[in-house]
Amino acid sequence: MEKASIFENITHGDSKPAITVLLNTNTIKEVRIVFRENQEMKEHKAGYPIVVEIVEGSIDFGVLGERHILNKGMLVALEASVPHDLIAIEDSIVRLSLHKLDNISRVEQISK
């Protein structure tokens, strides 16, 4: 059994979102992304399906040319290769569920 807390040991990036791998099991990776207000992840695609959950705050989520305001408690599931971006409307915590074969370094590169 592995366990982690989405609310413990939170760090913030000064100019970019802070990314932390919380769990890395045989089947999935759970990632915490901590945004300060107005920080963003520019448009990108994942090679595998993903699930994005807004744990705290509010995110302006762009997908396929449309904007969606996602608030605390909302989830979004995307298939592989769907272009999307995120902009923090306020300080926010996002949980990202990745396929085991997806690479965390891909996520880290997007936030730069």
N, C-alpha and C. Protein backbone atom coordinates (compact mmCIF):
# COMPACT_ATOMS: atom_id res chain seq x y z
N MET A 1 0.84 -1.18 0.00
CA MET A 1 0.00 0.00 0.00
C MET A 1 0.88 1.24 0.00
N GLU A 2 0.51 2.18 -0.84
CA GLU A 2 1.16 3.49 -0.83
C GLU A 2 0.11 4.50 -0.38
N LYS A 3 0.54 5.54 0.32
CA LYS A 3 -0.40 6.59 0.68
C LYS A 3 0.29 7.94 0.57
N ALA A 4 -0.54 8.96 0.36
CA ALA A 4 -0.04 10.32 0.22
C ALA A 4 -1.15 11.28 0.60
N SER A 5 -0.78 12.50 0.88
CA SER A 5 -1.77 13.54 1.17
C SER A 5 -1.63 14.66 0.16
N ILE A 6 -2.73 15.04 -0.41
CA ILE A 6 -2.71 16.13 -1.37
C ILE A 6 -2.48 17.47 -0.67
N PHE A 7 -2.72 17.53 0.67
CA PHE A 7 -2.62 18.79 1.40
C PHE A 7 -1.34 18.94 2.23
N GLU A 8 -0.51 17.91 2.33
CA GLU A 8 0.72 18.01 3.12
C GLU A 8 1.89 18.42 2.25
N ASN A 9 2.84 19.13 2.86
CA ASN A 9 4.09 19.53 2.21
C ASN A 9 3.87 20.27 0.90
N ILE A 10 2.92 21.19 0.90
CA ILE A 10 2.63 21.98 -0.30
C ILE A 10 3.71 23.02 -0.52
N THR A 11 4.21 23.07 -1.73
CA THR A 11 5.17 24.11 -2.12
C THR A 11 4.58 24.87 -3.31
N HIS A 12 5.00 26.12 -3.45
CA HIS A 12 4.55 26.96 -4.56
C HIS A 12 5.76 27.34 -5.40
N GLY A 13 5.57 27.38 -6.69
CA GLY A 13 6.61 27.88 -7.57
C GLY A 13 6.48 29.39 -7.71
N ASP A 14 7.59 30.08 -7.80
CA ASP A 14 7.53 31.54 -7.93
C ASP A 14 6.98 31.97 -9.28
N SER A 15 7.44 31.33 -10.34
CA SER A 15 7.03 31.76 -11.68
C SER A 15 6.26 30.70 -12.45
N LYS A 16 6.21 29.48 -11.93
CA LYS A 16 5.52 28.39 -12.62
C LYS A 16 4.86 27.49 -11.59
N PRO A 17 3.86 26.71 -12.00
CA PRO A 17 3.22 25.79 -11.07
C PRO A 17 4.21 24.78 -10.48
N ALA A 18 3.98 24.38 -9.24
CA ALA A 18 4.82 23.39 -8.57
C ALA A 18 4.21 22.00 -8.78
N ILE A 19 5.01 21.08 -9.26
CA ILE A 19 4.54 19.73 -9.61
C ILE A 19 5.18 18.71 -8.68
N THR A 20 4.33 17.86 -8.07
CA THR A 20 4.81 16.83 -7.16
C THR A 20 4.13 15.51 -7.50
N VAL A 21 4.91 14.44 -7.65
CA VAL A 21 4.34 13.11 -7.83
C VAL A 21 3.95 12.60 -6.44
N LEU A 22 2.67 12.33 -6.25
CA LEU A 22 2.18 11.86 -4.95
C LEU A 22 2.21 10.34 -4.86
N LEU A 23 1.78 9.67 -5.92
CA LEU A 23 1.77 8.21 -5.97
C LEU A 23 2.25 7.76 -7.33
N ASN A 24 3.00 6.68 -7.33
CA ASN A 24 3.49 6.08 -8.58
C ASN A 24 3.38 4.57 -8.41
N THR A 25 2.21 4.02 -8.80
CA THR A 25 1.95 2.59 -8.58
C THR A 25 2.21 1.81 -9.87
N ASN A 26 1.84 0.55 -9.86
CA ASN A 26 2.01 -0.29 -11.04
C ASN A 26 1.07 0.09 -12.17
N THR A 27 0.02 0.84 -11.88
CA THR A 27 -0.99 1.13 -12.89
C THR A 27 -1.25 2.61 -13.15
N ILE A 28 -0.86 3.49 -12.24
CA ILE A 28 -1.22 4.90 -12.39
C ILE A 28 -0.23 5.80 -11.67
N LYS A 29 -0.20 7.06 -12.08
CA LYS A 29 0.58 8.09 -11.40
C LYS A 29 -0.39 9.19 -10.98
N GLU A 30 -0.29 9.62 -9.73
CA GLU A 30 -1.10 10.72 -9.21
C GLU A 30 -0.17 11.90 -8.94
N VAL A 31 -0.51 13.03 -9.54
CA VAL A 31 0.35 14.20 -9.50
C VAL A 31 -0.42 15.38 -8.91
N ARG A 32 0.25 16.16 -8.05
CA ARG A 32 -0.34 17.40 -7.54
C ARG A 32 0.33 18.56 -8.26
N ILE A 33 -0.51 19.48 -8.75
CA ILE A 33 -0.01 20.69 -9.38
C ILE A 33 -0.55 21.86 -8.58
N VAL A 34 0.35 22.67 -8.01
CA VAL A 34 -0.04 23.80 -7.18
C VAL A 34 0.21 25.08 -7.98
N PHE A 35 -0.86 25.82 -8.20
CA PHE A 35 -0.80 27.06 -8.96
C PHE A 35 -0.97 28.26 -8.05
N ARG A 36 -0.24 29.30 -8.32
CA ARG A 36 -0.55 30.62 -7.77
C ARG A 36 -1.46 31.30 -8.79
N GLU A 37 -2.21 32.26 -8.33
CA GLU A 37 -3.10 33.00 -9.23
C GLU A 37 -2.35 33.46 -10.48
N ASN A 38 -2.95 33.26 -11.64
CA ASN A 38 -2.44 33.64 -12.97
C ASN A 38 -1.32 32.75 -13.51
N GLN A 39 -0.83 31.79 -12.75
CA GLN A 39 0.14 30.86 -13.33
C GLN A 39 -0.58 29.97 -14.33
N GLU A 40 0.16 29.50 -15.32
CA GLU A 40 -0.49 28.71 -16.36
C GLU A 40 0.38 27.55 -16.84
N MET A 41 -0.30 26.63 -17.47
CA MET A 41 0.35 25.57 -18.24
C MET A 41 -0.15 25.77 -19.67
N LYS A 42 0.75 26.11 -20.54
CA LYS A 42 0.40 26.41 -21.93
C LYS A 42 -0.19 25.17 -22.62
N GLU A 43 -0.80 25.38 -23.77
CA GLU A 43 -1.46 24.29 -24.48
C GLU A 43 -0.50 23.12 -24.71
N HIS A 44 -1.01 21.94 -24.45
CA HIS A 44 -0.24 20.70 -24.59
C HIS A 44 -1.20 19.54 -24.79
N LYS A 45 -0.64 18.36 -25.04
CA LYS A 45 -1.41 17.14 -25.20
C LYS A 45 -0.75 16.03 -24.38
N ALA A 46 -1.55 15.10 -23.93
CA ALA A 46 -1.03 13.93 -23.24
C ALA A 46 -1.09 12.74 -24.20
N GLY A 47 -0.13 11.87 -24.12
CA GLY A 47 -0.09 10.70 -24.98
C GLY A 47 -1.05 9.61 -24.57
N TYR A 48 -1.65 9.77 -23.39
CA TYR A 48 -2.58 8.78 -22.83
C TYR A 48 -3.75 9.53 -22.21
N PRO A 49 -4.86 8.86 -21.94
CA PRO A 49 -5.98 9.54 -21.26
C PRO A 49 -5.54 10.08 -19.90
N ILE A 50 -6.17 11.18 -19.48
CA ILE A 50 -5.88 11.79 -18.17
C ILE A 50 -7.20 12.16 -17.49
N VAL A 51 -7.11 12.35 -16.16
CA VAL A 51 -8.21 12.93 -15.39
C VAL A 51 -7.63 14.09 -14.59
N VAL A 52 -8.31 15.23 -14.65
CA VAL A 52 -7.91 16.44 -13.94
C VAL A 52 -8.99 16.74 -12.91
N GLU A 53 -8.60 16.91 -11.64
CA GLU A 53 -9.53 17.26 -10.56
C GLU A 53 -9.10 18.57 -9.92
N ILE A 54 -10.03 19.48 -9.74
CA ILE A 54 -9.75 20.73 -9.03
C ILE A 54 -10.02 20.47 -7.55
N VAL A 55 -8.94 20.42 -6.77
CA VAL A 55 -9.03 20.12 -5.34
C VAL A 55 -9.32 21.38 -4.55
N GLU A 56 -8.69 22.48 -4.93
CA GLU A 56 -8.90 23.79 -4.31
C GLU A 56 -8.81 24.84 -5.40
N GLY A 57 -9.55 25.92 -5.24
CA GLY A 57 -9.42 27.04 -6.16
C GLY A 57 -10.30 26.95 -7.38
N SER A 58 -9.82 27.61 -8.44
CA SER A 58 -10.58 27.72 -9.69
C SER A 58 -9.61 27.83 -10.86
N ILE A 59 -9.89 27.07 -11.91
CA ILE A 59 -9.02 27.00 -13.08
C ILE A 59 -9.80 27.34 -14.34
N ASP A 60 -9.22 28.16 -15.19
CA ASP A 60 -9.74 28.42 -16.54
C ASP A 60 -9.11 27.34 -17.42
N PHE A 61 -9.92 26.40 -17.87
CA PHE A 61 -9.44 25.22 -18.58
C PHE A 61 -9.84 25.35 -20.05
N GLY A 62 -8.85 25.39 -20.91
CA GLY A 62 -9.11 25.46 -22.34
C GLY A 62 -8.96 24.10 -22.98
N VAL A 63 -9.95 23.73 -23.81
CA VAL A 63 -9.88 22.46 -24.52
C VAL A 63 -10.56 22.63 -25.88
N LEU A 64 -9.84 22.26 -26.92
CA LEU A 64 -10.36 22.31 -28.28
C LEU A 64 -10.97 23.67 -28.62
N GLY A 65 -10.29 24.74 -28.20
CA GLY A 65 -10.71 26.09 -28.54
C GLY A 65 -11.82 26.66 -27.67
N GLU A 66 -12.30 25.92 -26.68
CA GLU A 66 -13.34 26.41 -25.78
C GLU A 66 -12.77 26.60 -24.39
N ARG A 67 -13.30 27.60 -23.64
CA ARG A 67 -12.87 27.87 -22.27
C ARG A 67 -13.93 27.35 -21.30
N HIS A 68 -13.47 26.73 -20.21
CA HIS A 68 -14.37 26.20 -19.18
C HIS A 68 -13.82 26.62 -17.82
N ILE A 69 -14.67 27.17 -16.97
CA ILE A 69 -14.27 27.49 -15.61
C ILE A 69 -14.53 26.26 -14.76
N LEU A 70 -13.47 25.73 -14.17
CA LEU A 70 -13.57 24.55 -13.31
C LEU A 70 -13.31 24.99 -11.88
N ASN A 71 -14.25 24.71 -11.00
CA ASN A 71 -14.14 25.08 -9.60
C ASN A 71 -13.88 23.86 -8.73
N LYS A 72 -13.58 24.12 -7.47
CA LYS A 72 -13.29 23.07 -6.49
C LYS A 72 -14.30 21.93 -6.60
N GLY A 73 -13.77 20.71 -6.70
CA GLY A 73 -14.60 19.52 -6.74
C GLY A 73 -14.91 19.02 -8.15
N MET A 74 -14.61 19.81 -9.16
CA MET A 74 -14.92 19.39 -10.53
C MET A 74 -13.81 18.51 -11.09
N LEU A 75 -14.21 17.58 -11.97
CA LEU A 75 -13.27 16.69 -12.65
C LEU A 75 -13.50 16.77 -14.14
N VAL A 76 -12.43 16.54 -14.89
CA VAL A 76 -12.48 16.49 -16.34
C VAL A 76 -11.68 15.27 -16.78
N ALA A 77 -12.23 14.49 -17.68
CA ALA A 77 -11.51 13.36 -18.27
C ALA A 77 -11.25 13.69 -19.73
N LEU A 78 -10.02 13.51 -20.17
CA LEU A 78 -9.64 13.75 -21.56
C LEU A 78 -9.01 12.50 -22.15
N GLU A 79 -9.35 12.22 -23.38
CA GLU A 79 -8.70 11.14 -24.10
C GLU A 79 -7.29 11.59 -24.51
N ALA A 80 -6.49 10.69 -24.97
CA ALA A 80 -5.13 11.00 -25.43
C ALA A 80 -5.18 12.00 -26.58
N SER A 81 -4.17 12.83 -26.65
CA SER A 81 -3.92 13.75 -27.76
C SER A 81 -4.93 14.89 -27.90
N VAL A 82 -5.67 15.21 -26.84
CA VAL A 82 -6.59 16.34 -26.87
C VAL A 82 -5.86 17.58 -26.36
N PRO A 83 -5.71 18.63 -27.19
CA PRO A 83 -5.01 19.84 -26.76
C PRO A 83 -5.79 20.55 -25.64
N HIS A 84 -5.06 20.98 -24.60
CA HIS A 84 -5.68 21.68 -23.49
C HIS A 84 -4.66 22.57 -22.80
N ASP A 85 -5.15 23.55 -22.04
CA ASP A 85 -4.29 24.43 -21.25
C ASP A 85 -5.00 24.79 -19.96
N LEU A 86 -4.24 25.27 -18.99
CA LEU A 86 -4.80 25.64 -17.69
C LEU A 86 -4.26 26.99 -17.27
N ILE A 87 -5.14 27.84 -16.74
CA ILE A 87 -4.75 29.14 -16.15
C ILE A 87 -5.45 29.23 -14.80
N ALA A 88 -4.68 29.52 -13.75
CA ALA A 88 -5.26 29.63 -12.41
C ALA A 88 -5.97 30.97 -12.26
N ILE A 89 -7.25 30.92 -11.96
CA ILE A 89 -8.01 32.13 -11.68
C ILE A 89 -7.67 32.64 -10.28
N GLU A 90 -7.36 31.72 -9.39
CA GLU A 90 -6.93 32.01 -8.03
C GLU A 90 -5.95 30.92 -7.62
N ASP A 91 -5.32 31.06 -6.47
CA ASP A 91 -4.44 30.00 -5.99
C ASP A 91 -5.23 28.69 -6.01
N SER A 92 -4.62 27.64 -6.56
CA SER A 92 -5.36 26.40 -6.79
C SER A 92 -4.47 25.18 -6.61
N ILE A 93 -5.12 24.07 -6.29
CA ILE A 93 -4.47 22.76 -6.25
C ILE A 93 -5.21 21.85 -7.22
N VAL A 94 -4.46 21.23 -8.11
CA VAL A 94 -5.02 20.34 -9.13
C VAL A 94 -4.42 18.96 -8.95
N ARG A 95 -5.26 17.95 -9.01
CA ARG A 95 -4.80 16.56 -9.00
C ARG A 95 -4.89 16.05 -10.43
N LEU A 96 -3.78 15.52 -10.92
CA LEU A 96 -3.69 14.98 -12.27
C LEU A 96 -3.44 13.49 -12.18
N SER A 97 -4.34 12.70 -12.76
CA SER A 97 -4.18 11.24 -12.81
C SER A 97 -3.64 10.87 -14.19
N LEU A 98 -2.47 10.27 -14.19
CA LEU A 98 -1.80 9.88 -15.43
C LEU A 98 -1.78 8.37 -15.60
N HIS A 99 -1.78 7.94 -16.82
CA HIS A 99 -1.56 6.53 -17.16
C HIS A 99 -0.14 6.16 -16.75
N LYS A 100 0.06 4.95 -16.34
CA LYS A 100 1.38 4.51 -15.88
C LYS A 100 2.48 4.74 -16.93
N LEU A 101 2.16 4.60 -18.21
CA LEU A 101 3.18 4.76 -19.25
C LEU A 101 3.48 6.21 -19.59
N ASP A 102 2.64 7.13 -19.10
CA ASP A 102 2.90 8.56 -19.33
C ASP A 102 4.12 8.96 -18.52
N ASN A 103 4.81 9.98 -18.99
CA ASN A 103 6.07 10.39 -18.37
C ASN A 103 5.89 11.69 -17.61
N ILE A 104 6.26 11.69 -16.32
CA ILE A 104 6.13 12.89 -15.49
C ILE A 104 6.99 14.04 -16.01
N SER A 105 8.10 13.73 -16.66
CA SER A 105 8.95 14.81 -17.19
C SER A 105 8.21 15.59 -18.28
N ARG A 106 7.28 14.96 -18.97
CA ARG A 106 6.46 15.67 -19.96
C ARG A 106 5.65 16.75 -19.26
N VAL A 107 5.07 16.42 -18.12
CA VAL A 107 4.27 17.39 -17.35
C VAL A 107 5.15 18.52 -16.84
N GLU A 108 6.31 18.18 -16.35
CA GLU A 108 7.23 19.21 -15.83
C GLU A 108 7.68 20.16 -16.93
N GLN A 109 7.90 19.67 -18.13
CA GLN A 109 8.32 20.52 -19.26
C GLN A 109 7.24 21.52 -19.65
N ILE A 110 5.99 21.10 -19.55
CA ILE A 110 4.87 21.97 -19.93
C ILE A 110 4.80 23.19 -19.03
N SER A 111 5.10 23.02 -17.75
CA SER A 111 4.96 24.13 -16.81
C SER A 111 6.07 25.15 -16.91
N LYS A 112 7.11 24.86 -17.68
CA LYS A 112 8.25 25.79 -17.80
C LYS A 112 7.95 26.92 -18.77
